[in-house]
N, C-alpha and C. Protein backbone atom coordinates (compact mmCIF):
# COMPACT_ATOMS: atom_id res chain seq x y z
N UNK A 1 1.04 -1.12 -0.20
CA UNK A 1 -0.12 -0.09 0.07
C UNK A 1 1.18 0.99 0.05
N UNK A 2 0.50 2.06 -1.01
CA UNK A 2 1.40 3.30 -1.08
C UNK A 2 0.88 4.69 -0.78
N UNK A 3 1.51 4.74 0.52
CA UNK A 3 0.92 6.30 1.29
C UNK A 3 2.00 7.28 0.74
N UNK A 4 1.60 8.52 0.05
CA UNK A 4 2.06 9.50 -0.35
C UNK A 4 2.64 10.57 1.08
N UNK A 5 2.50 10.70 2.24
CA UNK A 5 2.53 10.92 2.97
C UNK A 5 3.15 10.25 4.53
N UNK A 6 3.71 10.40 5.50
CA UNK A 6 4.58 10.14 6.24
C UNK A 6 3.95 9.03 6.97
N UNK A 7 2.60 9.16 7.17
CA UNK A 7 1.75 8.24 8.17
C UNK A 7 0.24 8.23 7.76
N UNK A 8 -0.64 7.00 7.86
CA UNK A 8 -1.72 7.08 7.82
C UNK A 8 -2.82 8.01 8.90
N UNK A 9 -2.04 8.41 9.75
CA UNK A 9 -2.80 9.17 10.85
C UNK A 9 -3.33 10.14 10.96
N UNK A 10 -3.05 11.24 9.32
CA UNK A 10 -4.01 12.80 9.46
C UNK A 10 -5.15 12.40 9.00
N UNK A 11 -5.11 10.90 8.24
CA UNK A 11 -5.99 10.57 7.01
C UNK A 11 -7.11 9.51 7.35
N UNK A 12 -6.72 8.60 8.42
CA UNK A 12 -7.47 7.53 8.65
C UNK A 12 -7.66 7.65 9.88
N UNK A 13 -8.85 6.71 10.69
CA UNK A 13 -8.69 6.64 12.17
C UNK A 13 -8.15 5.41 12.70
N UNK A 14 -7.76 5.65 13.77
CA UNK A 14 -6.64 4.44 14.14
C UNK A 14 -7.34 3.15 14.26
N UNK A 15 -8.40 2.99 14.08
CA UNK A 15 -8.73 1.60 14.01
C UNK A 15 -8.56 1.02 13.34
N UNK A 16 -8.84 2.18 11.88
CA UNK A 16 -8.71 1.32 10.41
C UNK A 16 -7.18 1.22 10.28
N UNK A 17 -6.16 1.74 10.58
CA UNK A 17 -4.78 1.76 10.64
C UNK A 17 -4.19 0.69 11.32
N UNK A 18 -4.75 0.40 12.54
CA UNK A 18 -4.57 -1.01 13.26
C UNK A 18 -4.75 -2.11 12.58
N UNK A 19 -5.98 -2.29 11.96
CA UNK A 19 -6.44 -3.45 11.12
C UNK A 19 -5.46 -3.54 9.53
N UNK A 20 -5.23 -2.33 9.07
CA UNK A 20 -4.23 -2.65 8.39
C UNK A 20 -2.83 -2.95 8.09
N UNK A 21 -2.55 -2.63 9.57
CA UNK A 21 -1.30 -3.15 10.19
C UNK A 21 -1.22 -4.15 10.42
N UNK A 22 -2.43 -5.08 10.97
CA UNK A 22 -2.10 -6.52 11.39
C UNK A 22 -2.23 -7.37 10.42
N UNK A 23 -2.33 -6.83 9.51
CA UNK A 23 -2.43 -7.91 7.96
C UNK A 23 -1.37 -8.09 7.22
N UNK A 24 -1.02 -9.54 7.48
CA UNK A 24 0.38 -9.89 7.23
C UNK A 24 0.56 -10.05 5.55
N UNK A 25 -0.72 -9.53 4.69
CA UNK A 25 -0.31 -9.48 2.96
C UNK A 25 -0.55 -7.80 3.12
N UNK A 26 -0.32 -7.04 4.15
CA UNK A 26 0.04 -5.65 3.33
C UNK A 26 0.86 -4.85 3.46
N UNK A 27 1.87 -4.85 2.84
CA UNK A 27 3.02 -3.69 3.55
C UNK A 27 2.91 -2.62 3.26
N UNK A 28 3.10 -1.70 4.22
CA UNK A 28 3.12 0.00 3.44
C UNK A 28 3.89 1.01 3.84
N UNK A 29 4.00 1.51 2.41
CA UNK A 29 5.28 1.80 2.34
C UNK A 29 4.75 3.61 2.07
N UNK A 30 5.28 4.36 3.43
CA UNK A 30 5.46 6.01 3.46
C UNK A 30 6.12 6.55 2.48
N UNK A 31 5.83 7.84 2.32
CA UNK A 31 6.37 8.91 1.61
C UNK A 31 6.78 7.91 -0.02
N UNK A 32 5.87 7.58 -0.36
CA UNK A 32 5.63 7.17 -1.62
C UNK A 32 4.80 6.88 -2.82
N UNK A 33 5.28 7.11 -3.98
CA UNK A 33 3.85 7.72 -4.88
C UNK A 33 4.03 6.82 -6.32
N UNK A 34 3.46 6.61 -7.10
CA UNK A 34 3.41 5.75 -8.11
C UNK A 34 4.36 6.71 -9.21
N UNK A 35 5.10 6.09 -9.99
CA UNK A 35 5.79 6.98 -10.79
C UNK A 35 5.39 6.44 -12.29
N UNK A 36 4.94 4.94 -12.37
CA UNK A 36 4.67 4.73 -14.01
C UNK A 36 3.65 3.57 -13.87
N UNK A 37 3.10 3.58 -14.95
CA UNK A 37 2.18 2.44 -14.89
C UNK A 37 2.57 2.24 -16.37
N UNK A 38 2.41 0.62 -16.80
CA UNK A 38 3.13 -0.04 -18.08
C UNK A 38 1.69 -1.09 -18.38
N UNK A 39 1.36 -0.91 -19.69
CA UNK A 39 0.39 -1.23 -19.95
C UNK A 39 0.94 -2.48 -20.91
N UNK A 40 -0.26 -3.10 -21.80
CA UNK A 40 0.23 -4.38 -22.33
C UNK A 40 -0.22 -3.77 -23.74
N UNK A 41 0.27 -4.65 -24.87
CA UNK A 41 -0.06 -4.09 -26.20
C UNK A 41 -1.96 -3.62 -26.46
N UNK A 42 -2.78 -5.00 -25.25
CA UNK A 42 -4.16 -4.68 -25.79
C UNK A 42 -4.46 -3.63 -24.17
N UNK A 43 -3.72 -3.27 -23.88
CA UNK A 43 -4.49 -1.92 -23.14
C UNK A 43 -4.94 -2.37 -21.23
N UNK A 44 -4.05 -3.42 -20.78
CA UNK A 44 -4.17 -3.88 -19.76
C UNK A 44 -2.97 -3.20 -19.13
N UNK A 45 -3.10 -3.19 -17.70
CA UNK A 45 -1.87 -2.75 -16.72
C UNK A 45 -1.14 -3.70 -16.64
N UNK A 46 0.16 -3.69 -16.55
CA UNK A 46 1.17 -5.15 -16.49
C UNK A 46 2.17 -4.60 -15.61
N UNK A 47 2.68 -3.51 -15.58
CA UNK A 47 3.74 -3.46 -14.46
C UNK A 47 3.45 -2.09 -13.63
N UNK A 48 3.94 -1.92 -12.18
CA UNK A 48 3.73 -0.18 -11.72
C UNK A 48 4.84 -0.01 -11.16
N UNK A 49 5.39 0.99 -11.09
CA UNK A 49 6.81 1.77 -10.73
C UNK A 49 6.32 2.67 -10.03
N UNK A 50 7.18 2.69 -8.49
CA UNK A 50 6.84 3.56 -7.87
C UNK A 50 8.11 4.26 -6.95
N UNK A 51 7.58 5.78 -6.75
CA UNK A 51 8.94 6.16 -6.27
C UNK A 51 8.98 6.88 -4.68
N UNK A 52 10.90 6.54 -3.98
CA UNK A 52 9.97 6.89 -2.66
C UNK A 52 10.55 8.46 -2.38
N UNK A 53 9.51 9.14 -1.94
CA UNK A 53 9.53 10.76 -2.34
C UNK A 53 10.99 11.28 -1.20
N UNK A 54 11.23 11.00 -0.92
CA UNK A 54 12.74 11.77 0.11
C UNK A 54 13.70 11.15 -0.67
N UNK A 55 13.67 9.97 -0.85
CA UNK A 55 15.05 8.77 -1.12
C UNK A 55 15.35 9.01 -3.05
N UNK A 56 14.17 9.10 -3.72
CA UNK A 56 13.94 9.14 -5.50
C UNK A 56 14.17 7.54 -5.52
N UNK A 57 14.35 6.78 -4.91
CA UNK A 57 14.52 5.24 -5.01
C UNK A 57 13.27 4.90 -5.56
N UNK A 58 13.24 3.94 -6.98
CA UNK A 58 12.19 3.67 -7.84
C UNK A 58 12.49 2.09 -7.51
N UNK A 59 11.07 1.67 -7.49
CA UNK A 59 10.59 -0.06 -7.75
C UNK A 59 9.61 -0.58 -8.66
N UNK A 60 10.02 -1.23 -9.27
CA UNK A 60 8.91 -1.69 -10.05
C UNK A 60 8.71 -3.43 -10.21
N UNK A 61 7.17 -3.39 -9.80
CA UNK A 61 7.11 -4.77 -10.39
C UNK A 61 5.57 -5.45 -10.98
N UNK A 62 5.58 -6.57 -11.05
CA UNK A 62 4.70 -6.60 -12.25
C UNK A 62 3.13 -6.81 -11.45
N UNK A 63 2.40 -6.20 -11.86
CA UNK A 63 0.80 -5.55 -11.17
C UNK A 63 -0.42 -5.18 -12.06
N UNK A 64 -1.54 -6.17 -11.79
CA UNK A 64 -2.24 -6.06 -13.21
C UNK A 64 -3.32 -5.39 -12.39
N UNK A 65 -3.48 -4.41 -11.10
CA UNK A 65 -4.35 -3.63 -10.84
C UNK A 65 -4.31 -2.73 -9.55
N UNK A 66 -4.65 -1.62 -9.86
CA UNK A 66 -4.02 -0.26 -9.12
C UNK A 66 -5.28 0.25 -8.54
N UNK A 67 -5.80 0.38 -7.21
CA UNK A 67 -7.02 0.90 -6.72
C UNK A 67 -6.32 2.33 -5.88
N UNK A 68 -7.10 3.59 -6.12
CA UNK A 68 -6.65 5.05 -5.58
C UNK A 68 -7.54 5.39 -4.59
N UNK A 69 -6.63 5.58 -3.60
CA UNK A 69 -7.87 6.45 -2.78
C UNK A 69 -6.89 7.38 -2.13
N UNK A 70 -7.79 8.34 -2.93
CA UNK A 70 -7.53 10.19 -3.27
C UNK A 70 -7.20 10.74 -1.84
N UNK A 71 -8.75 10.24 -1.56
CA UNK A 71 -9.03 11.45 -0.38
C UNK A 71 -9.74 12.52 -0.51
N UNK A 72 -9.52 13.57 0.10
CA UNK A 72 -9.97 15.09 -0.05
C UNK A 72 -9.52 15.57 -0.84
N UNK A 73 -8.51 15.33 -0.93
CA UNK A 73 -7.57 16.42 -2.19
C UNK A 73 -7.23 15.59 -3.18
N UNK A 74 -7.84 15.49 -4.02
CA UNK A 74 -7.26 14.17 -4.99
C UNK A 74 -6.12 14.77 -5.82
N UNK A 75 -6.02 13.74 -6.31
CA UNK A 75 -4.43 13.66 -6.99
C UNK A 75 -5.10 13.62 -8.25
N UNK A 76 -5.59 14.40 -8.87
CA UNK A 76 -5.98 13.97 -10.25
C UNK A 76 -5.20 14.42 -11.67
N UNK A 77 -4.18 15.87 -11.07
CA UNK A 77 -4.18 16.28 -11.88
C UNK A 77 -3.40 16.26 -13.58
N UNK A 78 -2.77 14.58 -13.28
CA UNK A 78 -2.45 14.12 -14.64
C UNK A 78 -3.54 13.49 -15.41
N UNK A 79 -4.79 13.76 -15.01
CA UNK A 79 -5.61 12.96 -15.84
C UNK A 79 -6.19 14.32 -16.91
N UNK A 80 -5.45 15.39 -16.41
CA UNK A 80 -5.49 16.78 -17.41
C UNK A 80 -4.86 16.04 -18.95
N UNK A 81 -3.72 15.53 -19.11
CA UNK A 81 -2.77 15.02 -20.25
C UNK A 81 -3.96 13.90 -21.09
N UNK A 82 -4.77 13.38 -20.50
CA UNK A 82 -5.52 12.64 -21.19
C UNK A 82 -6.48 13.51 -21.83
N UNK A 83 -7.10 14.51 -21.72
CA UNK A 83 -7.80 15.16 -21.98
C UNK A 83 -9.23 15.17 -21.12
N UNK A 84 -9.05 14.76 -19.71
CA UNK A 84 -10.24 14.34 -19.02
C UNK A 84 -10.21 15.76 -18.40
N UNK A 85 -11.58 16.15 -18.17
CA UNK A 85 -11.62 17.80 -17.50
C UNK A 85 -12.24 17.55 -16.15
N UNK A 86 -11.61 18.07 -15.28
CA UNK A 86 -11.57 18.09 -13.75
C UNK A 86 -12.27 19.70 -13.35
N UNK A 87 -13.38 19.35 -11.81
CA UNK A 87 -13.70 20.66 -11.86
C UNK A 87 -13.25 21.80 -11.09
N UNK A 88 -13.75 22.59 -10.33
CA UNK A 88 -12.75 23.35 -9.87
C UNK A 88 -11.74 23.21 -8.24
N UNK A 89 -12.35 21.95 -7.98
CA UNK A 89 -11.89 21.19 -6.35
C UNK A 89 -10.81 19.83 -7.06
N UNK A 90 -10.71 19.71 -9.00
CA UNK A 90 -9.68 18.77 -9.22
C UNK A 90 -10.52 17.16 -9.24
N UNK A 91 -11.70 17.13 -9.03
CA UNK A 91 -12.57 15.83 -8.90
C UNK A 91 -13.18 15.88 -10.61
N UNK A 92 -13.54 14.81 -11.21
CA UNK A 92 -13.88 14.18 -11.97
C UNK A 92 -15.32 14.50 -12.88
N UNK A 93 -16.02 15.30 -13.27
CA UNK A 93 -17.23 15.32 -13.61
C UNK A 93 -17.57 14.33 -14.32
N UNK A 94 -18.79 13.38 -13.98
CA UNK A 94 -19.13 12.65 -14.86
C UNK A 94 -20.76 12.55 -15.39
N UNK A 95 -21.03 11.52 -16.07
CA UNK A 95 -22.43 11.77 -16.65
C UNK A 95 -22.99 12.99 -17.47
N UNK A 96 -23.71 13.72 -16.77
CA UNK A 96 -24.72 14.89 -17.38
C UNK A 96 -23.57 16.14 -16.88
N UNK A 97 -23.14 16.03 -16.19
CA UNK A 97 -22.04 17.34 -15.54
C UNK A 97 -21.36 17.11 -16.71
N UNK A 98 -20.45 16.21 -17.12
CA UNK A 98 -19.12 15.86 -18.23
C UNK A 98 -19.68 16.37 -19.36
N UNK A 99 -21.07 16.58 -19.84
CA UNK A 99 -21.18 16.62 -21.51
C UNK A 99 -20.95 18.33 -21.38
N UNK A 100 -19.70 18.42 -22.09
CA UNK A 100 -20.04 19.89 -22.79
C UNK A 100 -19.99 19.70 -24.44
N UNK A 101 -20.21 20.81 -25.11
CA UNK A 101 -20.28 21.18 -26.26
C UNK A 101 -18.81 20.59 -27.12
N UNK A 102 -18.02 20.80 -26.39
CA UNK A 102 -16.53 20.63 -26.99
C UNK A 102 -15.98 18.98 -26.58
N UNK A 103 -16.83 18.03 -26.11
CA UNK A 103 -16.27 17.19 -25.76
C UNK A 103 -16.40 16.43 -26.91
N UNK A 104 -15.29 15.04 -26.94
CA UNK A 104 -15.30 14.25 -28.35
C UNK A 104 -16.21 13.32 -27.83
N UNK A 105 -17.37 13.14 -28.09
CA UNK A 105 -18.73 12.11 -28.02
C UNK A 105 -19.37 11.55 -29.05
N UNK A 106 -18.93 11.92 -30.14
CA UNK A 106 -19.75 11.80 -31.22
C UNK A 106 -21.33 12.18 -30.86
N UNK A 107 -21.28 12.99 -30.26
CA UNK A 107 -22.73 13.81 -30.38
C UNK A 107 -23.49 12.97 -28.94
N UNK A 108 -23.15 11.92 -28.35
CA UNK A 108 -23.83 10.85 -27.65
C UNK A 108 -23.68 11.71 -26.05
N UNK A 109 -24.62 11.31 -25.24
CA UNK A 109 -24.41 11.71 -23.88
C UNK A 109 -23.20 10.41 -23.08
N UNK A 110 -22.59 11.55 -22.49
CA UNK A 110 -21.13 10.24 -21.40
C UNK A 110 -22.63 9.39 -20.45
N UNK A 111 -21.99 8.18 -20.16
CA UNK A 111 -23.24 7.51 -19.49
C UNK A 111 -22.30 7.85 -18.35
N UNK A 112 -23.35 7.33 -17.31
CA UNK A 112 -23.85 8.30 -15.65
C UNK A 112 -21.75 8.32 -14.75
N UNK A 113 -21.44 7.37 -15.44
CA UNK A 113 -20.15 7.39 -14.63
C UNK A 113 -18.92 7.65 -15.73
N UNK A 114 -19.48 8.09 -16.80
CA UNK A 114 -18.10 8.70 -17.59
C UNK A 114 -18.18 9.71 -17.90
N UNK A 115 -16.27 9.87 -17.82
CA UNK A 115 -15.90 11.52 -17.90
C UNK A 115 -16.31 12.00 -19.57
N UNK A 116 -16.08 13.36 -19.21
CA UNK A 116 -15.96 13.93 -20.61
C UNK A 116 -15.10 13.39 -22.01
N UNK A 117 -14.70 12.32 -21.47
CA UNK A 117 -13.36 11.30 -22.39
C UNK A 117 -14.05 10.19 -22.77
N UNK A 118 -14.80 9.88 -23.89
CA UNK A 118 -15.41 8.57 -23.94
C UNK A 118 -14.48 7.39 -23.69
N UNK A 119 -14.81 6.39 -22.81
CA UNK A 119 -14.15 5.30 -22.62
C UNK A 119 -13.39 5.20 -21.17
N UNK A 120 -13.58 6.99 -21.10
CA UNK A 120 -12.51 6.71 -19.54
C UNK A 120 -13.95 7.41 -18.38
N UNK A 121 -13.49 6.56 -17.44
CA UNK A 121 -14.89 6.41 -16.39
C UNK A 121 -14.17 6.41 -14.95
N UNK A 122 -14.65 7.43 -13.87
CA UNK A 122 -14.50 7.76 -12.85
C UNK A 122 -15.78 7.24 -11.69
N UNK A 123 -15.10 6.91 -10.81
CA UNK A 123 -16.02 6.33 -9.30
C UNK A 123 -15.14 6.30 -8.21
N UNK A 124 -16.37 6.54 -6.85
CA UNK A 124 -15.43 6.69 -5.76
C UNK A 124 -15.35 8.15 -5.53
N UNK A 125 -14.05 8.01 -4.81
CA UNK A 125 -13.45 9.79 -4.05
C UNK A 125 -13.00 10.71 -5.12
N UNK A 126 -12.70 9.67 -6.20
CA UNK A 126 -12.19 10.84 -7.42
C UNK A 126 -13.34 11.83 -8.79
N UNK A 127 -14.60 10.95 -8.14
CA UNK A 127 -15.77 11.40 -8.61
C UNK A 127 -16.47 12.61 -8.31
N UNK A 128 -16.76 13.66 -8.96
CA UNK A 128 -17.21 14.91 -8.62
C UNK A 128 -18.35 14.54 -8.15
N UNK A 129 -19.02 15.06 -6.89
CA UNK A 129 -20.81 14.64 -6.87
C UNK A 129 -20.57 13.08 -6.22
N UNK A 130 -19.47 12.49 -5.43
CA UNK A 130 -19.59 11.39 -5.08
C UNK A 130 -20.02 11.55 -3.38
N UNK A 131 -20.34 10.58 -2.86
CA UNK A 131 -20.86 10.84 -1.38
C UNK A 131 -19.20 10.73 -0.31
N UNK A 132 -18.44 10.11 -1.14
CA UNK A 132 -17.00 10.20 -0.43
C UNK A 132 -17.04 9.06 0.71
N UNK A 133 -17.60 8.26 0.34
CA UNK A 133 -18.29 7.18 1.36
C UNK A 133 -17.56 5.80 0.86
N UNK A 134 -16.88 4.50 1.62
CA UNK A 134 -16.90 3.39 0.90
C UNK A 134 -17.91 2.59 0.60
N UNK A 135 -18.84 2.71 1.06
CA UNK A 135 -20.25 2.10 0.35
C UNK A 135 -20.46 2.52 -0.63
N UNK A 136 -20.57 4.02 -1.22
CA UNK A 136 -21.02 4.35 -2.17
C UNK A 136 -20.10 4.04 -3.49
N UNK A 137 -18.54 4.07 -2.70
CA UNK A 137 -17.27 3.79 -4.18
C UNK A 137 -17.74 2.21 -4.54
N UNK A 138 -17.87 1.30 -3.10
CA UNK A 138 -18.30 0.20 -3.67
C UNK A 138 -19.39 -0.02 -4.87
N UNK A 139 -20.50 0.43 -4.68
CA UNK A 139 -21.37 0.55 -5.37
C UNK A 139 -21.04 1.26 -7.17
N UNK A 140 -20.65 2.28 -6.91
CA UNK A 140 -20.09 2.91 -8.15
C UNK A 140 -19.41 2.03 -8.76
N UNK A 141 -18.45 1.21 -7.99
CA UNK A 141 -17.59 0.40 -9.08
C UNK A 141 -18.19 -1.14 -9.75
N UNK A 142 -19.22 -1.42 -8.68
CA UNK A 142 -20.07 -2.38 -9.10
C UNK A 142 -20.81 -1.86 -10.64
N UNK A 143 -21.38 -0.68 -10.28
CA UNK A 143 -22.39 -0.20 -11.51
C UNK A 143 -21.54 0.09 -12.65
N UNK A 144 -20.17 0.66 -12.46
CA UNK A 144 -19.39 1.29 -13.80
C UNK A 144 -19.12 -0.32 -14.75
N UNK A 145 -18.95 -1.34 -13.90
CA UNK A 145 -18.92 -2.64 -14.96
C UNK A 145 -19.69 -2.86 -16.18
N UNK A 146 -21.07 -2.63 -15.63
CA UNK A 146 -22.10 -2.55 -16.75
C UNK A 146 -22.12 -1.83 -17.83
N UNK A 147 -22.09 -0.35 -16.98
CA UNK A 147 -21.26 0.90 -17.93
C UNK A 147 -20.27 0.77 -18.95
N UNK A 148 -19.05 -0.15 -18.37
CA UNK A 148 -18.20 -0.21 -19.44
C UNK A 148 -18.40 -1.22 -20.52
N UNK A 149 -19.19 -2.08 -20.17
CA UNK A 149 -19.46 -3.69 -20.68
C UNK A 149 -20.42 -2.58 -21.81
N UNK A 150 -21.33 -2.02 -21.77
CA UNK A 150 -22.37 -1.40 -22.07
C UNK A 150 -21.28 -0.23 -23.83
N UNK A 151 -20.61 0.19 -23.30
CA UNK A 151 -19.81 1.34 -23.81
C UNK A 151 -18.84 0.51 -24.94
N UNK A 152 -18.22 -0.85 -24.38
CA UNK A 152 -17.31 -1.33 -25.27
C UNK A 152 -17.98 -2.00 -26.29
N UNK A 153 -19.73 -2.75 -26.25
CA UNK A 153 -20.41 -3.32 -27.16
C UNK A 153 -20.54 -2.18 -27.78
N UNK A 154 -21.37 -0.72 -27.51
CA UNK A 154 -21.16 0.01 -28.54
C UNK A 154 -20.21 0.47 -29.57
N UNK A 155 -19.17 0.52 -28.91
CA UNK A 155 -17.88 0.98 -29.77
C UNK A 155 -18.03 -0.07 -30.81
N UNK A 156 -17.74 -1.58 -30.42
CA UNK A 156 -17.81 -2.58 -31.19
C UNK A 156 -18.84 -2.18 -32.41
N UNK A 157 -20.16 -2.11 -32.01
CA UNK A 157 -20.96 -2.02 -33.14
C UNK A 157 -20.84 -1.10 -34.46
N UNK A 158 -19.95 0.25 -33.58
CA UNK A 158 -20.07 1.74 -34.40
C UNK A 158 -18.58 1.15 -35.47
N UNK A 159 -17.77 0.85 -34.45
CA UNK A 159 -16.45 0.27 -35.65
C UNK A 159 -17.01 -0.06 -36.60
N UNK A 160 -17.70 -1.70 -36.24
CA UNK A 160 -18.51 -2.43 -37.43
C UNK A 160 -18.94 -1.62 -38.65
N UNK A 161 -20.19 -1.14 -37.81
CA UNK A 161 -20.64 0.08 -39.47
C UNK A 161 -19.47 0.84 -39.95
N UNK A 162 -18.79 1.62 -39.00
CA UNK A 162 -17.57 2.20 -40.07
C UNK A 162 -16.97 1.87 -40.98
N UNK A 163 -16.59 -0.09 -40.72
CA UNK A 163 -15.90 -0.73 -41.54
C UNK A 163 -16.64 -1.31 -42.63
N UNK A 164 -18.20 -1.33 -42.43
CA UNK A 164 -18.82 -1.97 -43.65
C UNK A 164 -19.73 -0.53 -44.61
N UNK A 165 -19.22 0.67 -44.33
CA UNK A 165 -19.49 1.91 -45.18
C UNK A 165 -18.54 2.24 -45.89
């Protein structure tokens, strides 16, 4: 578990910290942040590189899943380089909030958990207007699966229609 801060104490209850520390399969790495994500040729996460903030030492491992806990101050600025619009506080608007006149969505409205960039979705604490609770994030995480399947199916249909004309 990568933690950008010196400890979890400022952002988490002592009870939760103790539960995490007692888990033998969780290693806490403080003052550490993700430096790079590497994907496969089919767009799946393959490796993660992280950097210790004070020493600059980097470590890379084969990892297939990353879950972000951003907290009250989202670390989402990196999404701007992908064209994802952020609100004034740095959260990702989704659904009707994400719809803009210049959004590259082929004239369609974004799905409820989709950002202004077609195919990029946000859930949980990173999403503008979310309830910022674990239960809400879990529900959004479950809901986004169906939206992703719908988006991918529609994309395949669109590509098939384009190639037949």
